[in-house]
Amino acid sequence: MLGDNFGDDPVFPPEQVLENRGRVAIFIDGSNLFYAALQLGLEIDYTKLLYRLTAGSRLLRAFFYTGVDRTNEKQQGFLLWMRRNGYRVIAKDLVQLPDGSKKANLDVEIAVDMMALVHSYDTAVLVSGDGDLAYAVDAVSYRGARVEVVSLRSMTSDSLINVADRYIDLDQIKEDIQKNPKHESNYRGFSGIRILNDE
């Protein structure tokens, strides 16, 4: 009987769900991912991240949304590396808040891009726990695309999980996306060619 044990015996096993992903578009909320990685004590290898999120499907595009400090040379180097290694970087200048902290909110950019491209992809992978994106995720689903949400559970809004087709806790995939120990930690492109030293 199908209705009695939804939690124990899924109708579609995860492998079958993954097989049907079609064209994948990835939308990464950079600051959300940064804070999640900080919570996990995780240093992310962005080549591995792209590989893990694509999971053998056809990648349409991977967007990385982030606030930028134009005076931070290390950040500029990182974003240049990202652009040269499979990511489309959408950057917005950080704004100084009254309490002295700096912030750039890119929710609108993420939502607009998800909607604008909705007929070009079959599955959207949203790397964010921000509940403000739940409405956009719901709208994308209504237009026929699947949405997978990837983020740290403690930083993820229930409203976002509730409208997603699939939720993946960042903690469950951290081994797959972790950077190698320091002595091997050069950024590498998919071809294995060293692009930029991490030092």
Protein backbone atom coordinates (compact mmCIF):
# COMPACT_ATOMS: atom_id res chain seq x y z
CA MET A 1 0.00 0.00 0.00
CA LEU A 2 1.43 3.34 -1.04
CA GLY A 3 0.00 5.76 1.47
CA ASP A 4 1.13 4.31 4.80
CA ASN A 5 4.89 4.79 4.87
CA PHE A 6 5.94 7.79 2.80
CA GLY A 7 9.05 8.45 4.88
CA ASP A 8 10.40 4.89 4.83
CA ASP A 9 10.05 3.82 1.22
CA PRO A 10 10.18 6.62 -1.35
CA VAL A 11 8.25 6.00 -4.55
CA PHE A 12 11.15 7.39 -6.58
CA PRO A 13 14.59 6.48 -5.19
CA PRO A 14 17.14 9.36 -5.23
CA GLU A 15 19.11 7.73 -8.08
CA GLN A 16 16.05 7.74 -10.32
CA VAL A 17 15.26 11.35 -9.43
CA LEU A 18 18.83 12.34 -10.35
CA GLU A 19 18.63 10.52 -13.69
CA ASN A 20 15.75 12.74 -14.77
CA ARG A 21 17.34 16.10 -14.05
CA GLY A 22 17.78 17.14 -17.71
CA ARG A 23 19.55 20.48 -18.21
CA VAL A 24 20.75 21.96 -14.93
CA ALA A 25 21.19 25.64 -14.00
CA ILE A 26 22.97 26.43 -10.73
CA PHE A 27 22.29 29.58 -8.69
CA ILE A 28 24.68 30.14 -5.77
CA ASP A 29 24.05 32.78 -3.11
CA GLY A 30 27.73 33.49 -2.37
CA SER A 31 27.39 35.09 1.08
CA ASN A 32 24.90 32.44 2.25
CA LEU A 33 27.30 29.69 1.14
CA PHE A 34 30.25 31.49 2.74
CA TYR A 35 28.54 31.63 6.16
CA ALA A 36 27.35 28.02 5.88
CA ALA A 37 30.93 26.91 5.10
CA LEU A 38 32.15 28.95 8.08
CA GLN A 39 29.65 27.16 10.35
CA LEU A 40 30.91 23.79 9.07
CA GLY A 41 34.58 24.77 9.27
CA LEU A 42 34.71 23.91 5.57
CA GLU A 43 37.00 25.28 2.88
CA ILE A 44 35.18 24.78 -0.41
CA ASP A 45 36.85 23.59 -3.60
CA TYR A 46 34.69 25.34 -6.21
CA THR A 47 35.65 22.95 -8.99
CA LYS A 48 34.46 20.04 -6.87
CA LEU A 49 31.33 21.99 -5.93
CA LEU A 50 30.41 22.53 -9.58
CA TYR A 51 31.06 18.86 -10.34
CA ARG A 52 28.97 17.69 -7.35
CA LEU A 53 26.01 20.00 -8.07
CA THR A 54 25.97 19.11 -11.78
CA ALA A 55 26.15 15.40 -10.86
CA GLY A 56 26.69 14.17 -14.41
CA SER A 57 23.80 16.18 -15.89
CA ARG A 58 24.16 18.73 -18.66
CA LEU A 59 25.10 22.10 -17.14
CA LEU A 60 23.42 25.08 -18.73
CA ARG A 61 25.13 27.69 -16.56
CA ALA A 62 26.38 28.19 -13.00
CA PHE A 63 25.77 31.62 -11.48
CA PHE A 64 27.64 32.89 -8.43
CA TYR A 65 26.10 35.96 -6.74
CA THR A 66 28.24 37.97 -4.38
CA GLY A 67 28.83 41.34 -2.80
CA VAL A 68 32.24 42.78 -3.66
CA ASP A 69 34.75 45.05 -2.01
CA ARG A 70 36.65 46.56 -4.96
CA THR A 71 39.68 47.21 -2.74
CA ASN A 72 40.04 43.56 -1.71
CA GLU A 73 42.63 42.12 -4.10
CA LYS A 74 42.32 38.57 -2.79
CA GLN A 75 38.56 38.63 -3.46
CA GLN A 76 39.13 40.07 -6.95
CA GLY A 77 41.58 37.24 -7.68
CA PHE A 78 39.09 34.66 -6.44
CA LEU A 79 36.28 36.08 -8.61
CA LEU A 80 38.56 36.14 -11.65
CA TRP A 81 39.36 32.46 -11.02
CA MET A 82 35.61 31.71 -10.72
CA ARG A 83 34.90 33.43 -14.07
CA ARG A 84 37.61 31.38 -15.77
CA ASN A 85 36.45 28.09 -14.29
CA GLY A 86 32.82 27.67 -15.22
CA TYR A 87 31.01 30.29 -13.15
CA ARG A 88 29.10 33.37 -14.31
CA VAL A 89 29.80 35.87 -11.52
CA ILE A 90 27.12 38.45 -10.70
CA ALA A 91 28.66 41.01 -8.36
CA LYS A 92 27.22 43.98 -6.50
CA ASP A 93 29.15 46.54 -4.46
CA LEU A 94 28.87 46.10 -0.71
CA VAL A 95 26.86 48.80 1.07
CA GLN A 96 27.94 50.10 4.48
CA LEU A 97 25.16 49.68 7.05
CA PRO A 98 24.63 52.03 10.04
CA ASP A 99 26.16 49.47 12.44
CA GLY A 100 29.40 49.52 10.42
CA SER A 101 28.91 46.12 8.75
CA LYS A 102 28.80 45.75 4.98
CA LYS A 103 26.18 43.86 3.00
CA ALA A 104 24.94 43.29 -0.53
CA ASN A 105 21.56 41.68 -1.03
CA LEU A 106 21.29 39.77 -4.31
CA ASP A 107 17.93 38.03 -3.79
CA VAL A 108 16.29 40.05 -6.56
CA GLU A 109 19.06 39.19 -9.04
CA ILE A 110 18.80 35.48 -8.18
CA ALA A 111 15.00 35.48 -8.51
CA VAL A 112 15.03 37.39 -11.81
CA ASP A 113 17.65 35.09 -13.36
CA MET A 114 15.82 31.95 -12.22
CA MET A 115 12.63 33.24 -13.86
CA ALA A 116 14.29 34.63 -17.01
CA LEU A 117 15.97 31.29 -17.80
CA VAL A 118 13.17 28.99 -16.67
CA HIS A 119 12.47 27.63 -20.16
CA SER A 120 16.17 26.93 -20.80
CA TYR A 121 16.68 24.47 -17.93
CA ASP A 122 14.87 21.46 -16.49
CA THR A 123 16.34 21.57 -12.99
CA ALA A 124 17.45 24.59 -10.96
CA VAL A 125 19.93 24.01 -8.15
CA LEU A 126 19.64 26.85 -5.64
CA VAL A 127 22.47 27.07 -3.13
CA SER A 128 20.89 29.24 -0.46
CA GLY A 129 18.79 28.91 2.67
CA ASP A 130 17.16 32.33 2.31
CA GLY A 131 13.39 32.14 2.76
CA ASP A 132 12.96 35.30 0.69
CA LEU A 133 13.62 33.12 -2.37
CA ALA A 134 10.73 30.73 -1.64
CA TYR A 135 8.29 32.71 -3.79
CA ALA A 136 10.65 32.62 -6.79
CA VAL A 137 11.24 28.87 -6.30
CA ASP A 138 7.48 28.30 -6.22
CA ALA A 139 7.01 30.36 -9.39
CA VAL A 140 9.76 28.39 -11.19
CA SER A 141 8.10 25.11 -10.17
CA TYR A 142 4.77 26.27 -11.60
CA ARG A 143 6.50 26.79 -14.93
CA GLY A 144 7.55 23.14 -15.03
CA ALA A 145 11.13 23.18 -13.73
CA ARG A 146 12.34 21.13 -10.76
CA VAL A 147 14.15 22.94 -7.97
CA GLU A 148 16.78 21.45 -5.69
CA VAL A 149 17.82 23.49 -2.66
CA VAL A 150 21.29 22.97 -1.19
CA SER A 151 22.22 24.65 2.09
CA LEU A 152 23.04 24.09 5.74
CA ARG A 153 19.90 22.93 7.57
CA SER A 154 20.36 25.27 10.54
CA MET A 155 20.50 28.23 8.12
CA THR A 156 17.64 27.15 5.85
CA SER A 157 14.11 28.50 5.98
CA ASP A 158 11.37 25.87 6.21
CA SER A 159 9.38 27.85 3.63
CA LEU A 160 12.19 27.27 1.10
CA ILE A 161 12.42 23.53 1.82
CA ASN A 162 8.63 23.21 1.54
CA VAL A 163 8.52 24.54 -2.04
CA ALA A 164 11.63 22.69 -3.27
CA ASP A 165 11.41 19.34 -5.06
CA ARG A 166 14.52 18.14 -3.27
CA TYR A 167 16.56 19.42 -0.33
CA ILE A 168 20.22 18.57 0.25
CA ASP A 169 21.91 19.47 3.53
CA LEU A 170 25.37 20.92 2.86
CA ASP A 171 26.63 18.91 5.84
CA GLN A 172 25.81 15.68 3.94
CA ILE A 173 28.00 16.57 0.92
CA LYS A 174 30.86 18.40 2.63
CA GLU A 175 33.38 15.59 1.97
CA ASP A 176 32.61 15.83 -1.76
CA ILE A 177 33.28 19.57 -1.98
CA GLN A 178 36.08 20.03 0.52
CA LYS A 179 39.38 21.46 -0.59
CA ASN A 180 42.38 19.14 -0.31
CA PRO A 181 44.99 19.75 2.41
CA LYS A 182 47.02 22.94 2.01
CA HIS A 183 50.00 21.38 0.22
CA GLU A 184 47.73 20.28 -2.64
CA SER A 185 45.34 23.21 -2.62
CA ASN A 186 45.95 24.96 -5.93
CA TYR A 187 42.74 25.89 -7.69
CA ARG A 188 42.32 23.59 -10.65
CA GLY A 189 40.16 23.77 -13.71
CA PHE A 190 38.30 20.73 -15.03
CA SER A 191 41.25 19.84 -17.27
CA GLY A 192 43.50 19.51 -14.22
CA ILE A 193 45.66 22.43 -15.36
CA ARG A 194 46.78 24.65 -12.51
CA ILE A 195 45.10 28.02 -13.00
CA LEU A 196 45.81 30.07 -9.92
CA ASN A 197 47.84 29.36 -6.82
CA ASP A 198 45.84 29.57 -3.60
CA GLU A 199 48.58 31.26 -1.57
